[in-house]
C-alpha atoms as a PDB file:
ATOM      1  CA  MET A   1      -7.231  32.391  64.280  1.00  0.00           C
ATOM      2  CA  ASN A   2      -9.611  35.332  64.136  1.00  0.00           C
ATOM      3  CA  THR A   3     -12.843  34.439  62.351  1.00  0.00           C
ATOM      4  CA  GLU A   4     -14.585  37.749  62.962  1.00  0.00           C
ATOM      5  CA  PRO A   5     -15.041  39.953  59.889  1.00  0.00           C
ATOM      6  CA  ASP A   6     -12.739  42.952  59.650  1.00  0.00           C
ATOM      7  CA  PRO A   7     -14.902  46.016  60.384  1.00  0.00           C
ATOM      8  CA  GLN A   8     -12.702  48.177  58.153  1.00  0.00           C
ATOM      9  CA  PRO A   9     -12.289  47.056  54.540  1.00  0.00           C
ATOM     10  CA  THR A  10      -8.829  47.199  53.018  1.00  0.00           C
ATOM     11  CA  VAL A  11      -8.472  50.546  51.268  1.00  0.00           C
ATOM     12  CA  SER A  12      -5.830  51.601  48.790  1.00  0.00           C
ATOM     13  CA  GLU A  13      -3.870  54.535  50.156  1.00  0.00           C
ATOM     14  CA  ALA A  14      -3.252  55.837  46.622  1.00  0.00           C
ATOM     15  CA  THR A  15      -6.884  55.945  45.463  1.00  0.00           C
ATOM     16  CA  ASN A  16      -8.822  55.752  48.750  1.00  0.00           C
ATOM     17  CA  GLN A  17     -10.892  52.987  47.106  1.00  0.00           C
ATOM     18  CA  PRO A  18     -11.585  49.503  48.490  1.00  0.00           C
ATOM     19  CA  VAL A  19      -9.116  46.857  47.364  1.00  0.00           C
ATOM     20  CA  VAL A  20     -10.808  43.944  45.606  1.00  0.00           C
ATOM     21  CA  LYS A  21      -9.023  40.576  45.637  1.00  0.00           C
ATOM     22  CA  ILE A  22     -10.265  37.757  43.453  1.00  0.00           C
ATOM     23  CA  PHE A  23      -9.005  34.230  44.147  1.00  0.00           C
ATOM     24  CA  GLY A  24      -8.786  31.482  41.542  1.00  0.00           C
ATOM     25  CA  VAL A  25      -8.210  27.946  42.818  1.00  0.00           C
ATOM     26  CA  GLY A  26      -7.152  25.105  40.530  1.00  0.00           C
ATOM     27  CA  ASN A  27      -6.803  25.228  36.755  1.00  0.00           C
ATOM     28  CA  ALA A  28     -10.384  26.362  36.203  1.00  0.00           C
ATOM     29  CA  GLY A  29     -10.056  29.121  38.795  1.00  0.00           C
ATOM     30  CA  VAL A  30      -6.777  30.336  37.303  1.00  0.00           C
ATOM     31  CA  GLU A  31      -8.386  30.413  33.847  1.00  0.00           C
ATOM     32  CA  LEU A  32     -11.270  32.466  35.219  1.00  0.00           C
ATOM     33  CA  LEU A  33      -8.769  34.962  36.608  1.00  0.00           C
ATOM     34  CA  GLU A  34      -7.342  35.372  33.121  1.00  0.00           C
ATOM     35  CA  LEU A  35     -10.823  36.117  31.765  1.00  0.00           C
ATOM     36  CA  PHE A  36     -11.611  38.524  34.603  1.00  0.00           C
ATOM     37  CA  SER A  37      -8.366  40.409  34.012  1.00  0.00           C
ATOM     38  CA  ARG A  38      -9.676  41.415  30.578  1.00  0.00           C
ATOM     39  CA  THR A  39     -12.991  42.783  31.871  1.00  0.00           C
ATOM     40  CA  GLU A  40     -14.242  45.435  34.270  1.00  0.00           C
ATOM     41  CA  PHE A  41     -12.450  43.516  37.051  1.00  0.00           C
ATOM     42  CA  ALA A  42      -9.086  44.534  35.575  1.00  0.00           C
ATOM     43  CA  GLY A  43      -8.326  46.814  38.558  1.00  0.00           C
ATOM     44  CA  ALA A  44      -8.645  44.001  41.108  1.00  0.00           C
ATOM     45  CA  ASP A  45      -5.784  42.078  42.702  1.00  0.00           C
ATOM     46  CA  PHE A  46      -5.785  38.512  41.407  1.00  0.00           C
ATOM     47  CA  VAL A  47      -4.540  35.566  43.491  1.00  0.00           C
ATOM     48  CA  ALA A  48      -3.927  32.249  41.714  1.00  0.00           C
ATOM     49  CA  ILE A  49      -3.699  29.085  43.838  1.00  0.00           C
ATOM     50  CA  ASN A  50      -2.777  25.786  42.240  1.00  0.00           C
ATOM     51  CA  THR A  51      -0.722  22.601  42.454  1.00  0.00           C
ATOM     52  CA  ASP A  52       0.100  22.890  38.741  1.00  0.00           C
ATOM     53  CA  ALA A  53       3.312  24.897  38.284  1.00  0.00           C
ATOM     54  CA  ALA A  54       2.792  25.399  34.544  1.00  0.00           C
ATOM     55  CA  SER A  55      -0.644  26.899  35.105  1.00  0.00           C
ATOM     56  CA  LEU A  56       0.790  29.384  37.592  1.00  0.00           C
ATOM     57  CA  ALA A  57       3.726  30.232  35.327  1.00  0.00           C
ATOM     58  CA  ASN A  58       1.314  31.192  32.541  1.00  0.00           C
ATOM     59  CA  SER A  59      -0.953  33.198  34.840  1.00  0.00           C
ATOM     60  CA  ASN A  60      -0.980  36.999  34.957  1.00  0.00           C
ATOM     61  CA  ALA A  61      -2.139  36.966  38.600  1.00  0.00           C
ATOM     62  CA  THR A  62      -0.524  39.505  40.911  1.00  0.00           C
ATOM     63  CA  VAL A  63      -0.039  36.828  43.595  1.00  0.00           C
ATOM     64  CA  LYS A  64       0.656  33.156  42.878  1.00  0.00           C
ATOM     65  CA  VAL A  65       0.475  30.424  45.531  1.00  0.00           C
ATOM     66  CA  HIS A  66       2.019  27.126  44.498  1.00  0.00           C
ATOM     67  CA  LEU A  67       0.711  24.218  46.580  1.00  0.00           C
ATOM     68  CA  GLU A  68       3.706  22.051  45.792  1.00  0.00           C
ATOM     69  CA  THR A  69       4.489  18.684  47.231  1.00  0.00           C
ATOM     70  CA  ARG A  70       6.747  15.860  46.215  1.00  0.00           C
ATOM     71  CA  LEU A  71       3.565  13.917  45.583  1.00  0.00           C
ATOM     72  CA  MET A  72       2.388  16.209  42.787  1.00  0.00           C
ATOM     73  CA  ARG A  73       5.842  17.082  41.406  1.00  0.00           C
ATOM     74  CA  GLY A  74       4.416  20.354  40.071  1.00  0.00           C
ATOM     75  CA  LEU A  75       2.033  18.584  37.719  1.00  0.00           C
ATOM     76  CA  GLY A  76      -1.254  19.148  39.531  1.00  0.00           C
ATOM     77  CA  THR A  77      -3.976  16.567  39.920  1.00  0.00           C
ATOM     78  CA  GLY A  78      -5.097  16.279  36.314  1.00  0.00           C
ATOM     79  CA  GLY A  79      -8.706  16.542  37.452  1.00  0.00           C
ATOM     80  CA  ASP A  80      -8.429  13.249  39.325  1.00  0.00           C
ATOM     81  CA  PRO A  81     -10.323  13.595  42.643  1.00  0.00           C
ATOM     82  CA  GLU A  82      -8.492  10.634  44.202  1.00  0.00           C
ATOM     83  CA  ARG A  83      -5.125  12.195  43.429  1.00  0.00           C
ATOM     84  CA  ALA A  84      -6.411  15.532  44.718  1.00  0.00           C
ATOM     85  CA  ALA A  85      -7.415  13.861  48.002  1.00  0.00           C
ATOM     86  CA  LEU A  86      -3.866  12.557  48.455  1.00  0.00           C
ATOM     87  CA  TRP A  87      -2.412  16.069  48.617  1.00  0.00           C
ATOM     88  CA  PRO A  88      -3.942  17.233  51.922  1.00  0.00           C
ATOM     89  CA  ARG A  89      -3.327  13.789  53.424  1.00  0.00           C
ATOM     90  CA  SER A  90       0.376  14.123  52.627  1.00  0.00           C
ATOM     91  CA  ILE A  91       0.518  17.581  54.222  1.00  0.00           C
ATOM     92  CA  PHE A  92      -1.755  17.014  57.246  1.00  0.00           C
ATOM     93  CA  PRO A  93      -1.205  13.485  58.528  1.00  0.00           C
ATOM     94  CA  ARG A  94      -3.648  12.198  61.112  1.00  0.00           C
END
């Protein structure tokens, strides 16, 4: 994996302007994306990342990443840190 910064920013071919991507992670992050989409950030690309399928379905983000597992069953973690810790353990066993 390349960890060096890209010397050339991503530029829109249509406008020749830098492309801004804003990521929202979890329910709070997805909600922030909704607020940002109504402000001066409206021209940005929004990426919503969540385990909660309903949250993603209601999001206006241009890209949605559903971190689904059988463990969560599309319901998310409900703000429970112990349940949240189970998700990566189920995906990346030791």
